[in-house]
Protein backbone atom coordinates (compact mmCIF):
# COMPACT_ATOMS: atom_id res chain seq x y z
CA UNK A 1 67.58 114.12 82.98
CA UNK A 2 65.56 111.00 82.27
CA UNK A 3 62.03 110.95 80.90
CA UNK A 4 60.67 109.92 84.33
CA UNK A 5 62.55 112.73 86.07
CA UNK A 6 61.15 115.25 83.57
CA UNK A 7 57.67 113.89 84.17
CA UNK A 8 58.04 114.23 87.95
CA UNK A 9 59.56 117.71 87.64
CA UNK A 10 57.33 119.02 84.83
CA UNK A 11 55.34 121.40 87.02
CA UNK A 12 58.46 122.51 88.89
CA UNK A 13 60.30 123.28 85.64
CA UNK A 14 57.34 125.25 84.30
CA UNK A 15 57.03 127.19 87.54
CA UNK A 16 60.71 128.15 87.48
CA UNK A 17 60.66 128.99 83.78
CA UNK A 18 57.64 131.30 84.02
CA UNK A 19 58.09 132.86 87.45
CA UNK A 20 59.39 136.17 86.04
CA UNK A 21 58.78 137.18 82.42
CA UNK A 22 61.41 139.94 82.46
CA UNK A 23 64.21 137.66 83.67
CA UNK A 24 63.14 135.06 81.11
CA UNK A 25 63.50 137.65 78.32
CA UNK A 26 66.88 138.77 79.66
CA UNK A 27 68.15 135.18 79.66
CA UNK A 28 66.88 134.63 76.12
CA UNK A 29 68.53 137.86 74.98
CA UNK A 30 71.82 136.94 76.63
CA UNK A 31 71.80 133.55 74.90
CA UNK A 32 70.91 135.17 71.56
CA UNK A 33 73.64 137.81 71.86
CA UNK A 34 76.47 135.66 73.21
CA UNK A 35 75.75 132.14 71.99
CA UNK A 36 76.74 129.12 74.04
CA UNK A 37 78.34 129.93 77.38
CA UNK A 38 79.13 127.60 80.29
CA UNK A 39 77.20 129.96 82.57
CA UNK A 40 74.86 132.84 81.84
CA UNK A 41 74.53 135.78 84.19
CA UNK A 42 70.72 135.64 84.14
CA UNK A 43 70.48 131.92 84.87
CA UNK A 44 71.55 132.61 88.44
CA UNK A 45 68.32 134.57 88.86
CA UNK A 46 66.43 131.28 88.51
CA UNK A 47 68.41 129.42 91.19
CA UNK A 48 66.52 130.68 94.26
CA UNK A 49 63.12 129.90 92.81
CA UNK A 50 64.32 126.48 91.64
CA UNK A 51 65.60 125.70 95.13
CA UNK A 52 62.28 126.76 96.69
CA UNK A 53 60.23 124.77 94.18
CA UNK A 54 62.30 121.61 94.74
CA UNK A 55 61.91 121.90 98.50
CA UNK A 56 58.15 122.35 98.16
CA UNK A 57 57.69 119.10 96.24
CA UNK A 58 55.50 116.54 97.93
CA UNK A 59 57.21 113.82 99.92
CA UNK A 60 55.94 111.28 97.38
CA UNK A 61 57.57 113.18 94.49
CA UNK A 62 60.80 113.52 96.45
CA UNK A 63 60.83 109.77 97.08
CA UNK A 64 60.29 109.15 93.37
CA UNK A 65 63.20 111.44 92.55
CA UNK A 66 65.46 109.72 95.10
CA UNK A 67 64.58 106.35 93.55
CA UNK A 68 65.26 107.65 90.03
CA UNK A 69 68.61 109.04 91.15
CA UNK A 70 69.69 105.85 92.86
CA UNK A 71 68.52 103.57 90.01
CA UNK A 72 69.94 105.63 87.14
CA UNK A 73 71.93 103.92 84.41
CA UNK A 74 74.85 104.58 84.34
CA UNK A 75 74.97 104.81 88.12
CA UNK A 76 75.19 108.26 89.62
CA UNK A 77 77.31 109.06 92.60
CA UNK A 78 75.41 108.11 95.74
CA UNK A 79 74.58 111.23 97.69
CA UNK A 80 72.52 112.25 100.66
CA UNK A 81 68.89 113.24 100.10
CA UNK A 82 69.77 116.94 100.45
CA UNK A 83 72.58 116.64 97.90
CA UNK A 84 70.24 114.86 95.49
CA UNK A 85 67.69 117.68 95.79
CA UNK A 86 70.46 120.23 95.16
CA UNK A 87 71.51 118.26 92.08
CA UNK A 88 67.93 118.32 90.81
CA UNK A 89 67.87 122.08 91.36
CA UNK A 90 70.81 122.36 88.98
CA UNK A 91 69.13 120.02 86.48
CA UNK A 92 66.07 122.27 86.52
CA UNK A 93 68.30 125.27 85.79
CA UNK A 94 69.87 123.38 82.87
CA UNK A 95 66.40 122.65 81.50
CA UNK A 96 65.40 126.32 81.85
CA UNK A 97 68.52 127.40 79.95
CA UNK A 98 67.83 124.79 77.28
CA UNK A 99 64.27 126.07 76.85
CA UNK A 100 65.49 129.67 76.76
CA UNK A 101 67.99 128.76 74.06
CA UNK A 102 65.26 127.24 71.90
CA UNK A 103 63.00 130.23 72.55
CA UNK A 104 65.79 132.71 71.74
CA UNK A 105 66.30 131.11 68.35
CA UNK A 106 62.56 131.32 67.65
CA UNK A 107 62.13 134.93 68.74
CA UNK A 108 61.69 137.29 65.81
CA UNK A 109 60.83 140.61 67.45
CA UNK A 110 63.19 141.70 70.20
C-alpha cells in the first residue's frame, strides 16, 4: 500500500482495527502464539467490517483510490471498480494484521 493510499484509508483502517476489542486481542494472541502464518483464523472476523467500511467511503475517496490503483508503479492489473474496492478491502486486512503483529510483540500482560 502506498503512502497516499494509507492516507486515504487511514480512518477506514482505524475503524476496522478498533471495531471490536475482543477480536483484536484474539488476533494478537493468535499471532503471538503461532508466529507468522499465511492466514490467521481471527483475521477473517475483520473482513465484513472492512468490506462495509470500504463501501461507505465517499465517492471522492473512492475516485482517489481508483486513480492510485491505476497509476501505481509498477502497474497493477487493471480491474473493474468493484474488484479494486475488494482488493483494497484485502489491503486493509493486511494492515490490520500488521498492526496486530506489532502490538502482539509489545504486549507484556496477557
